């Protein structure tokens, strides 16, 4: 079963930042410059964390915020964007 995660990063090295961006772009929707909403099951989450850890240095920050169903219903935004939906299938 998937869960919605908000993944936020602040990475100083341009190469590492681009790598993290590309990886997350394959797992979710970019909603701000360094913010992604990702539907992840436990297995994908474990592999994604392991993969991303290679690009995080001591001075960087990568945060994971799980959203419960109630929280998801209360997501609001102004401007461009749309609600994150749990995909019916994943491309691997």
PDB file of N, CA and C in Angstrom:
ATOM      1  N   UNK A   1       0.836  -1.172   0.000  1.00  0.00           N
ATOM      2  CA  UNK A   1       0.000   0.000   0.000  1.00  0.00           C
ATOM      3  C   UNK A   1       0.889   1.246   0.000  1.00  0.00           C
ATOM      4  N   UNK A   2       0.543   2.192  -0.819  1.00  0.00           N
ATOM      5  CA  UNK A   2       1.325   3.420  -0.947  1.00  0.00           C
ATOM      6  C   UNK A   2       0.896   4.466   0.057  1.00  0.00           C
ATOM      7  N   UNK A   3       1.817   5.349   0.338  1.00  0.00           N
ATOM      8  CA  UNK A   3       1.568   6.482   1.221  1.00  0.00           C
ATOM      9  C   UNK A   3       2.124   7.717   0.543  1.00  0.00           C
ATOM     10  N   UNK A   4       1.458   8.846   0.737  1.00  0.00           N
ATOM     11  CA  UNK A   4       1.934  10.099   0.169  1.00  0.00           C
ATOM     12  C   UNK A   4       3.013  10.700   1.066  1.00  0.00           C
ATOM     13  N   UNK A   5       4.139  11.018   0.464  1.00  0.00           N
ATOM     14  CA  UNK A   5       5.261  11.645   1.162  1.00  0.00           C
ATOM     15  C   UNK A   5       5.582  12.974   0.511  1.00  0.00           C
ATOM     16  N   UNK A   6       5.908  13.958   1.315  1.00  0.00           N
ATOM     17  CA  UNK A   6       6.457  15.210   0.819  1.00  0.00           C
ATOM     18  C   UNK A   6       7.954  15.126   1.082  1.00  0.00           C
ATOM     19  N   UNK A   7       8.736  15.261   0.025  1.00  0.00           N
ATOM     20  CA  UNK A   7      10.193  15.165   0.121  1.00  0.00           C
ATOM     21  C   UNK A   7      10.767  16.533  -0.218  1.00  0.00           C
ATOM     22  N   UNK A   8      11.572  17.059   0.693  1.00  0.00           N
ATOM     23  CA  UNK A   8      12.118  18.402   0.576  1.00  0.00           C
ATOM     24  C   UNK A   8      13.633  18.318   0.694  1.00  0.00           C
ATOM     25  N   UNK A   9      14.329  19.046  -0.165  1.00  0.00           N
ATOM     26  CA  UNK A   9      15.791  18.989  -0.084  1.00  0.00           C
ATOM     27  C   UNK A   9      16.417  20.370  -0.266  1.00  0.00           C
ATOM     28  N   UNK A  10      17.600  20.497   0.319  1.00  0.00           N
ATOM     29  CA  UNK A  10      18.449  21.673   0.156  1.00  0.00           C
ATOM     30  C   UNK A  10      19.866  21.127   0.013  1.00  0.00           C
ATOM     31  N   UNK A  11      20.378  21.148  -1.193  1.00  0.00           N
ATOM     32  CA  UNK A  11      21.663  20.519  -1.501  1.00  0.00           C
ATOM     33  C   UNK A  11      22.582  21.553  -2.135  1.00  0.00           C
ATOM     34  N   UNK A  12      23.786  21.677  -1.606  1.00  0.00           N
ATOM     35  CA  UNK A  12      24.705  22.727  -2.046  1.00  0.00           C
ATOM     36  C   UNK A  12      25.400  22.427  -3.367  1.00  0.00           C
ATOM     37  N   UNK A  13      25.793  21.186  -3.582  1.00  0.00           N
ATOM     38  CA  UNK A  13      26.529  20.811  -4.789  1.00  0.00           C
ATOM     39  C   UNK A  13      25.570  20.684  -5.974  1.00  0.00           C
ATOM     40  N   UNK A  14      25.849  21.398  -7.050  1.00  0.00           N
ATOM     41  CA  UNK A  14      24.965  21.397  -8.224  1.00  0.00           C
ATOM     42  C   UNK A  14      24.773  20.014  -8.820  1.00  0.00           C
ATOM     43  N   UNK A  15      25.831  19.246  -8.925  1.00  0.00           N
ATOM     44  CA  UNK A  15      25.747  17.905  -9.516  1.00  0.00           C
ATOM     45  C   UNK A  15      24.870  16.992  -8.654  1.00  0.00           C
ATOM     46  N   UNK A  16      25.085  17.021  -7.343  1.00  0.00           N
ATOM     47  CA  UNK A  16      24.274  16.207  -6.438  1.00  0.00           C
ATOM     48  C   UNK A  16      22.815  16.665  -6.441  1.00  0.00           C
ATOM     49  N   UNK A  17      22.589  17.970  -6.463  1.00  0.00           N
ATOM     50  CA  UNK A  17      21.225  18.511  -6.482  1.00  0.00           C
ATOM     51  C   UNK A  17      20.489  18.054  -7.738  1.00  0.00           C
ATOM     52  N   UNK A  18      21.152  18.093  -8.873  1.00  0.00           N
ATOM     53  CA  UNK A  18      20.543  17.655 -10.125  1.00  0.00           C
ATOM     54  C   UNK A  18      20.235  16.155 -10.085  1.00  0.00           C
ATOM     55  N   UNK A  19      21.141  15.378  -9.523  1.00  0.00           N
ATOM     56  CA  UNK A  19      20.916  13.933  -9.414  1.00  0.00           C
ATOM     57  C   UNK A  19      19.704  13.640  -8.535  1.00  0.00           C
ATOM     58  N   UNK A  20      19.606  14.307  -7.399  1.00  0.00           N
ATOM     59  CA  UNK A  20      18.464  14.119  -6.500  1.00  0.00           C
ATOM     60  C   UNK A  20      17.176  14.538  -7.200  1.00  0.00           C
ATOM     61  N   UNK A  21      17.224  15.668  -7.886  1.00  0.00           N
ATOM     62  CA  UNK A  21      16.049  16.141  -8.622  1.00  0.00           C
ATOM     63  C   UNK A  21      15.581  15.096  -9.639  1.00  0.00           C
ATOM     64  N   UNK A  22      16.494  14.567 -10.410  1.00  0.00           N
ATOM     65  CA  UNK A  22      16.138  13.589 -11.450  1.00  0.00           C
ATOM     66  C   UNK A  22      15.562  12.305 -10.845  1.00  0.00           C
ATOM     67  N   UNK A  23      16.154  11.863  -9.765  1.00  0.00           N
ATOM     68  CA  UNK A  23      15.667  10.643  -9.110  1.00  0.00           C
ATOM     69  C   UNK A  23      14.254  10.864  -8.578  1.00  0.00           C
ATOM     70  N   UNK A  24      14.050  11.969  -7.871  1.00  0.00           N
ATOM     71  CA  UNK A  24      12.725  12.244  -7.313  1.00  0.00           C
ATOM     72  C   UNK A  24      11.694  12.501  -8.411  1.00  0.00           C
ATOM     73  N   UNK A  25      12.129  13.097  -9.508  1.00  0.00           N
ATOM     74  CA  UNK A  25      11.222  13.367 -10.626  1.00  0.00           C
ATOM     75  C   UNK A  25      10.662  12.062 -11.211  1.00  0.00           C
ATOM     76  N   UNK A  26      11.416  10.975 -11.052  1.00  0.00           N
ATOM     77  CA  UNK A  26      10.964   9.662 -11.515  1.00  0.00           C
ATOM     78  C   UNK A  26      10.051   8.967 -10.502  1.00  0.00           C
ATOM     79  N   UNK A  27       9.903   9.566  -9.318  1.00  0.00           N
ATOM     80  CA  UNK A  27       9.109   8.932  -8.262  1.00  0.00           C
ATOM     81  C   UNK A  27       7.916   9.761  -7.813  1.00  0.00           C
ATOM     82  N   UNK A  28       7.800  10.989  -8.297  1.00  0.00           N
ATOM     83  CA  UNK A  28       6.698  11.820  -7.834  1.00  0.00           C
ATOM     84  C   UNK A  28       6.528  13.071  -8.655  1.00  0.00           C
ATOM     85  N   UNK A  29       5.772  14.003  -8.115  1.00  0.00           N
ATOM     86  CA  UNK A  29       5.482  15.269  -8.793  1.00  0.00           C
ATOM     87  C   UNK A  29       6.205  16.412  -8.098  1.00  0.00           C
ATOM     88  N   UNK A  30       6.912  17.190  -8.867  1.00  0.00           N
ATOM     89  CA  UNK A  30       7.588  18.371  -8.332  1.00  0.00           C
ATOM     90  C   UNK A  30       6.528  19.452  -8.140  1.00  0.00           C
ATOM     91  N   UNK A  31       6.407  19.961  -6.913  1.00  0.00           N
ATOM     92  CA  UNK A  31       5.403  20.979  -6.614  1.00  0.00           C
ATOM     93  C   UNK A  31       6.037  22.339  -6.297  1.00  0.00           C
ATOM     94  N   UNK A  32       7.309  22.351  -6.001  1.00  0.00           N
ATOM     95  CA  UNK A  32       8.109  23.557  -5.819  1.00  0.00           C
ATOM     96  C   UNK A  32       9.519  23.200  -6.297  1.00  0.00           C
ATOM     97  N   UNK A  33      10.427  24.180  -6.294  1.00  0.00           N
ATOM     98  CA  UNK A  33      11.776  23.915  -6.812  1.00  0.00           C
ATOM     99  C   UNK A  33      12.445  22.718  -6.149  1.00  0.00           C
ATOM    100  N   UNK A  34      12.358  22.610  -4.845  1.00  0.00           N
ATOM    101  CA  UNK A  34      13.021  21.522  -4.123  1.00  0.00           C
ATOM    102  C   UNK A  34      12.028  20.718  -3.297  1.00  0.00           C
ATOM    103  N   UNK A  35      10.795  20.616  -3.775  1.00  0.00           N
ATOM    104  CA  UNK A  35       9.738  19.914  -3.043  1.00  0.00           C
ATOM    105  C   UNK A  35       9.008  18.965  -3.996  1.00  0.00           C
ATOM    106  N   UNK A  36       8.899  17.707  -3.585  1.00  0.00           N
ATOM    107  CA  UNK A  36       8.198  16.700  -4.365  1.00  0.00           C
ATOM    108  C   UNK A  36       7.124  16.032  -3.518  1.00  0.00           C
ATOM    109  N   UNK A  37       6.020  15.670  -4.159  1.00  0.00           N
ATOM    110  CA  UNK A  37       5.005  14.820  -3.550  1.00  0.00           C
ATOM    111  C   UNK A  37       5.121  13.463  -4.228  1.00  0.00           C
ATOM    112  N   UNK A  38       5.346  12.427  -3.421  1.00  0.00           N
ATOM    113  CA  UNK A  38       5.605  11.094  -3.963  1.00  0.00           C
ATOM    114  C   UNK A  38       4.730  10.053  -3.282  1.00  0.00           C
ATOM    115  N   UNK A  39       4.063   9.228  -4.083  1.00  0.00           N
ATOM    116  CA  UNK A  39       3.344   8.063  -3.566  1.00  0.00           C
ATOM    117  C   UNK A  39       4.335   6.906  -3.547  1.00  0.00           C
ATOM    118  N   UNK A  40       4.639   6.400  -2.340  1.00  0.00           N
ATOM    119  CA  UNK A  40       5.660   5.362  -2.201  1.00  0.00           C
ATOM    120  C   UNK A  40       5.166   4.230  -1.315  1.00  0.00           C
ATOM    121  N   UNK A  41       5.416   3.005  -1.755  1.00  0.00           N
ATOM    122  CA  UNK A  41       5.180   1.874  -0.858  1.00  0.00           C
ATOM    123  C   UNK A  41       6.478   1.627  -0.082  1.00  0.00           C
ATOM    124  N   UNK A  42       6.436   0.741   0.890  1.00  0.00           N
ATOM    125  CA  UNK A  42       7.592   0.519   1.772  1.00  0.00           C
ATOM    126  C   UNK A  42       8.837   0.095   1.001  1.00  0.00           C
ATOM    127  N   UNK A  43       8.672  -0.804   0.054  1.00  0.00           N
ATOM    128  CA  UNK A  43       9.811  -1.303  -0.714  1.00  0.00           C
ATOM    129  C   UNK A  43      10.463  -0.188  -1.544  1.00  0.00           C
ATOM    130  N   UNK A  44       9.648   0.575  -2.249  1.00  0.00           N
ATOM    131  CA  UNK A  44      10.176   1.672  -3.075  1.00  0.00           C
ATOM    132  C   UNK A  44      10.816   2.728  -2.183  1.00  0.00           C
ATOM    133  N   UNK A  45      10.186   3.011  -1.041  1.00  0.00           N
ATOM    134  CA  UNK A  45      10.725   4.003  -0.111  1.00  0.00           C
ATOM    135  C   UNK A  45      12.116   3.598   0.384  1.00  0.00           C
ATOM    136  N   UNK A  46      12.274   2.355   0.758  1.00  0.00           N
ATOM    137  CA  UNK A  46      13.572   1.860   1.239  1.00  0.00           C
ATOM    138  C   UNK A  46      14.638   2.002   0.157  1.00  0.00           C
ATOM    139  N   UNK A  47      14.320   1.574  -1.054  1.00  0.00           N
ATOM    140  CA  UNK A  47      15.283   1.670  -2.150  1.00  0.00           C
ATOM    141  C   UNK A  47      15.589   3.122  -2.514  1.00  0.00           C
ATOM    142  N   UNK A  48      14.571   3.968  -2.500  1.00  0.00           N
ATOM    143  CA  UNK A  48      14.775   5.379  -2.829  1.00  0.00           C
ATOM    144  C   UNK A  48      15.673   6.061  -1.805  1.00  0.00           C
ATOM    145  N   UNK A  49      15.442   5.817  -0.534  1.00  0.00           N
ATOM    146  CA  UNK A  49      16.293   6.401   0.517  1.00  0.00           C
ATOM    147  C   UNK A  49      17.750   5.957   0.351  1.00  0.00           C
ATOM    148  N   UNK A  50      17.936   4.693   0.082  1.00  0.00           N
ATOM    149  CA  UNK A  50      19.294   4.163  -0.095  1.00  0.00           C
ATOM    150  C   UNK A  50      19.969   4.826  -1.297  1.00  0.00           C
ATOM    151  N   UNK A  51      19.241   4.934  -2.390  1.00  0.00           N
ATOM    152  CA  UNK A  51      19.787   5.539  -3.605  1.00  0.00           C
ATOM    153  C   UNK A  51      20.127   7.016  -3.390  1.00  0.00           C
ATOM    154  N   UNK A  52      19.225   7.761  -2.767  1.00  0.00           N
ATOM    155  CA  UNK A  52      19.450   9.193  -2.558  1.00  0.00           C
ATOM    156  C   UNK A  52      20.570   9.476  -1.559  1.00  0.00           C
ATOM    157  N   UNK A  53      20.774   8.585  -0.621  1.00  0.00           N
ATOM    158  CA  UNK A  53      21.797   8.812   0.412  1.00  0.00           C
ATOM    159  C   UNK A  53      23.187   9.005  -0.186  1.00  0.00           C
ATOM    160  N   UNK A  54      23.413   8.492  -1.369  1.00  0.00           N
ATOM    161  CA  UNK A  54      24.720   8.636  -2.022  1.00  0.00           C
ATOM    162  C   UNK A  54      25.008  10.075  -2.439  1.00  0.00           C
ATOM    163  N   UNK A  55      23.974  10.906  -2.524  1.00  0.00           N
ATOM    164  CA  UNK A  55      24.138  12.272  -3.020  1.00  0.00           C
ATOM    165  C   UNK A  55      24.013  13.332  -1.928  1.00  0.00           C
ATOM    166  N   UNK A  56      23.878  12.914  -0.673  1.00  0.00           N
ATOM    167  CA  UNK A  56      23.689  13.845   0.435  1.00  0.00           C
ATOM    168  C   UNK A  56      24.994  13.983   1.211  1.00  0.00           C
ATOM    169  N   UNK A  57      25.465  15.209   1.293  1.00  0.00           N
ATOM    170  CA  UNK A  57      26.690  15.511   2.034  1.00  0.00           C
ATOM    171  C   UNK A  57      26.340  16.054   3.421  1.00  0.00           C
ATOM    172  N   UNK A  58      27.345  16.238   4.237  1.00  0.00           N
ATOM    173  CA  UNK A  58      27.165  16.692   5.618  1.00  0.00           C
ATOM    174  C   UNK A  58      26.400  18.015   5.711  1.00  0.00           C
ATOM    175  N   UNK A  59      26.648  18.925   4.791  1.00  0.00           N
ATOM    176  CA  UNK A  59      26.028  20.252   4.842  1.00  0.00           C
ATOM    177  C   UNK A  59      24.652  20.316   4.176  1.00  0.00           C
ATOM    178  N   UNK A  60      24.186  19.205   3.627  1.00  0.00           N
ATOM    179  CA  UNK A  60      22.911  19.157   2.914  1.00  0.00           C
ATOM    180  C   UNK A  60      21.764  18.762   3.841  1.00  0.00           C
ATOM    181  N   UNK A  61      20.557  18.881   3.315  1.00  0.00           N
ATOM    182  CA  UNK A  61      19.366  18.485   4.050  1.00  0.00           C
ATOM    183  C   UNK A  61      18.381  17.810   3.105  1.00  0.00           C
ATOM    184  N   UNK A  62      17.860  16.673   3.536  1.00  0.00           N
ATOM    185  CA  UNK A  62      16.812  15.959   2.803  1.00  0.00           C
ATOM    186  C   UNK A  62      15.811  15.510   3.852  1.00  0.00           C
ATOM    187  N   UNK A  63      14.558  15.949   3.699  1.00  0.00           N
ATOM    188  CA  UNK A  63      13.526  15.650   4.697  1.00  0.00           C
ATOM    189  C   UNK A  63      12.360  14.913   4.061  1.00  0.00           C
ATOM    190  N   UNK A  64      11.768  14.018   4.847  1.00  0.00           N
ATOM    191  CA  UNK A  64      10.640  13.195   4.418  1.00  0.00           C
ATOM    192  C   UNK A  64       9.475  13.462   5.363  1.00  0.00           C
ATOM    193  N   UNK A  65       8.342  13.888   4.816  1.00  0.00           N
ATOM    194  CA  UNK A  65       7.154  14.156   5.610  1.00  0.00           C
ATOM    195  C   UNK A  65       6.021  13.249   5.137  1.00  0.00           C
ATOM    196  N   UNK A  66       5.599  12.285   5.970  1.00  0.00           N
ATOM    197  CA  UNK A  66       4.468  11.436   5.579  1.00  0.00           C
ATOM    198  C   UNK A  66       3.166  12.209   5.769  1.00  0.00           C
ATOM    199  N   UNK A  67       2.239  11.998   4.860  1.00  0.00           N
ATOM    200  CA  UNK A  67       0.926  12.631   4.988  1.00  0.00           C
ATOM    201  C   UNK A  67      -0.134  11.554   5.191  1.00  0.00           C
ATOM    202  N   UNK A  68      -0.890  11.680   6.262  1.00  0.00           N
ATOM    203  CA  UNK A  68      -1.984  10.751   6.507  1.00  0.00           C
ATOM    204  C   UNK A  68      -3.151  11.083   5.562  1.00  0.00           C
ATOM    205  N   UNK A  69      -4.121  10.210   5.505  1.00  0.00           N
ATOM    206  CA  UNK A  69      -5.277  10.424   4.615  1.00  0.00           C
ATOM    207  C   UNK A  69      -5.993  11.728   4.955  1.00  0.00           C
ATOM    208  N   UNK A  70      -6.172  11.996   6.226  1.00  0.00           N
ATOM    209  CA  UNK A  70      -6.851  13.236   6.635  1.00  0.00           C
ATOM    210  C   UNK A  70      -6.059  14.465   6.187  1.00  0.00           C
ATOM    211  N   UNK A  71      -4.748  14.407   6.364  1.00  0.00           N
ATOM    212  CA  UNK A  71      -3.893  15.525   5.944  1.00  0.00           C
ATOM    213  C   UNK A  71      -3.973  15.735   4.434  1.00  0.00           C
ATOM    214  N   UNK A  72      -4.025  14.651   3.687  1.00  0.00           N
ATOM    215  CA  UNK A  72      -4.104  14.742   2.226  1.00  0.00           C
ATOM    216  C   UNK A  72      -5.370  15.469   1.794  1.00  0.00           C
ATOM    217  N   UNK A  73      -6.457  15.235   2.505  1.00  0.00           N
ATOM    218  CA  UNK A  73      -7.727  15.875   2.170  1.00  0.00           C
ATOM    219  C   UNK A  73      -7.700  17.373   2.443  1.00  0.00           C
ATOM    220  N   UNK A  74      -6.771  17.805   3.279  1.00  0.00           N
ATOM    221  CA  UNK A  74      -6.682  19.216   3.654  1.00  0.00           C
ATOM    222  C   UNK A  74      -5.611  19.983   2.891  1.00  0.00           C
ATOM    223  N   UNK A  75      -4.972  19.353   1.922  1.00  0.00           N
ATOM    224  CA  UNK A  75      -3.964  20.043   1.127  1.00  0.00           C
ATOM    225  C   UNK A  75      -4.648  21.142   0.325  1.00  0.00           C
ATOM    226  N   UNK A  76      -4.079  22.314   0.359  1.00  0.00           N
ATOM    227  CA  UNK A  76      -4.623  23.465  -0.359  1.00  0.00           C
ATOM    228  C   UNK A  76      -3.452  24.204  -0.992  1.00  0.00           C
ATOM    229  N   UNK A  77      -3.686  24.838  -2.104  1.00  0.00           N
ATOM    230  CA  UNK A  77      -2.636  25.618  -2.758  1.00  0.00           C
ATOM    231  C   UNK A  77      -3.263  26.719  -3.577  1.00  0.00           C
ATOM    232  N   UNK A  78      -2.465  27.702  -3.872  1.00  0.00           N
ATOM    233  CA  UNK A  78      -2.851  28.796  -4.757  1.00  0.00           C
ATOM    234  C   UNK A  78      -1.943  28.735  -5.958  1.00  0.00           C
ATOM    235  N   UNK A  79      -2.432  29.082  -7.113  1.00  0.00           N
ATOM    236  CA  UNK A  79      -1.609  29.073  -8.317  1.00  0.00           C
ATOM    237  C   UNK A  79      -1.670  27.728  -9.011  1.00  0.00           C
ATOM    238  N   UNK A  80      -0.625  27.446  -9.752  1.00  0.00           N
ATOM    239  CA  UNK A  80      -0.576  26.225 -10.550  1.00  0.00           C
ATOM    240  C   UNK A  80      -0.466  24.995  -9.671  1.00  0.00           C
ATOM    241  N   UNK A  81      -0.895  23.889 -10.227  1.00  0.00           N
ATOM    242  CA  UNK A  81      -0.756  22.618  -9.526  1.00  0.00           C
ATOM    243  C   UNK A  81      -2.066  21.880  -9.466  1.00  0.00           C
ATOM    244  N   UNK A  82      -1.967  20.643  -9.000  1.00  0.00           N
ATOM    245  CA  UNK A  82      -3.146  19.807  -8.843  1.00  0.00           C
ATOM    246  C   UNK A  82      -2.873  18.812  -7.727  1.00  0.00           C
ATOM    247  N   UNK A  83      -3.900  18.158  -7.272  1.00  0.00           N
ATOM    248  CA  UNK A  83      -3.766  17.202  -6.182  1.00  0.00           C
ATOM    249  C   UNK A  83      -2.927  16.003  -6.619  1.00  0.00           C
ATOM    250  N   UNK A  84      -2.085  15.548  -5.721  1.00  0.00           N
ATOM    251  CA  UNK A  84      -1.290  14.352  -5.981  1.00  0.00           C
ATOM    252  C   UNK A  84      -2.191  13.137  -5.882  1.00  0.00           C
ATOM    253  N   UNK A  85      -2.178  12.305  -6.902  1.00  0.00           N
ATOM    254  CA  UNK A  85      -3.010  11.111  -6.907  1.00  0.00           C
ATOM    255  C   UNK A  85      -2.138   9.874  -6.882  1.00  0.00           C
ATOM    256  N   UNK A  86      -2.612   8.865  -6.166  1.00  0.00           N
ATOM    257  CA  UNK A  86      -1.904   7.596  -6.095  1.00  0.00           C
ATOM    258  C   UNK A  86      -1.988   6.930  -7.461  1.00  0.00           C
ATOM    259  N   UNK A  87      -0.849   6.723  -8.130  1.00  0.00           N
ATOM    260  CA  UNK A  87      -0.890   6.102  -9.454  1.00  0.00           C
ATOM    261  C   UNK A  87      -1.372   4.651  -9.371  1.00  0.00           C
ATOM    262  N   UNK A  88      -2.043   4.210 -10.383  1.00  0.00           N
ATOM    263  CA  UNK A  88      -2.551   2.843 -10.424  1.00  0.00           C
ATOM    264  C   UNK A  88      -1.447   1.836 -10.750  1.00  0.00           C
ATOM    265  N   UNK A  89      -0.353   2.336 -11.345  1.00  0.00           N
ATOM    266  CA  UNK A  89       0.762   1.456 -11.689  1.00  0.00           C
ATOM    267  C   UNK A  89       2.035   2.287 -11.659  1.00  0.00           C
ATOM    268  N   UNK A  90       3.162   1.598 -11.610  1.00  0.00           N
ATOM    269  CA  UNK A  90       4.458   2.248 -11.574  1.00  0.00           C
ATOM    270  C   UNK A  90       5.302   1.784 -12.749  1.00  0.00           C
ATOM    271  N   UNK A  91       6.029   2.690 -13.343  1.00  0.00           N
ATOM    272  CA  UNK A  91       6.992   2.323 -14.376  1.00  0.00           C
ATOM    273  C   UNK A  91       8.335   2.102 -13.722  1.00  0.00           C
ATOM    274  N   UNK A  92       8.943   0.970 -13.998  1.00  0.00           N
ATOM    275  CA  UNK A  92      10.230   0.662 -13.380  1.00  0.00           C
ATOM    276  C   UNK A  92      11.272   0.485 -14.454  1.00  0.00           C
TER     277      UNK A  92
END
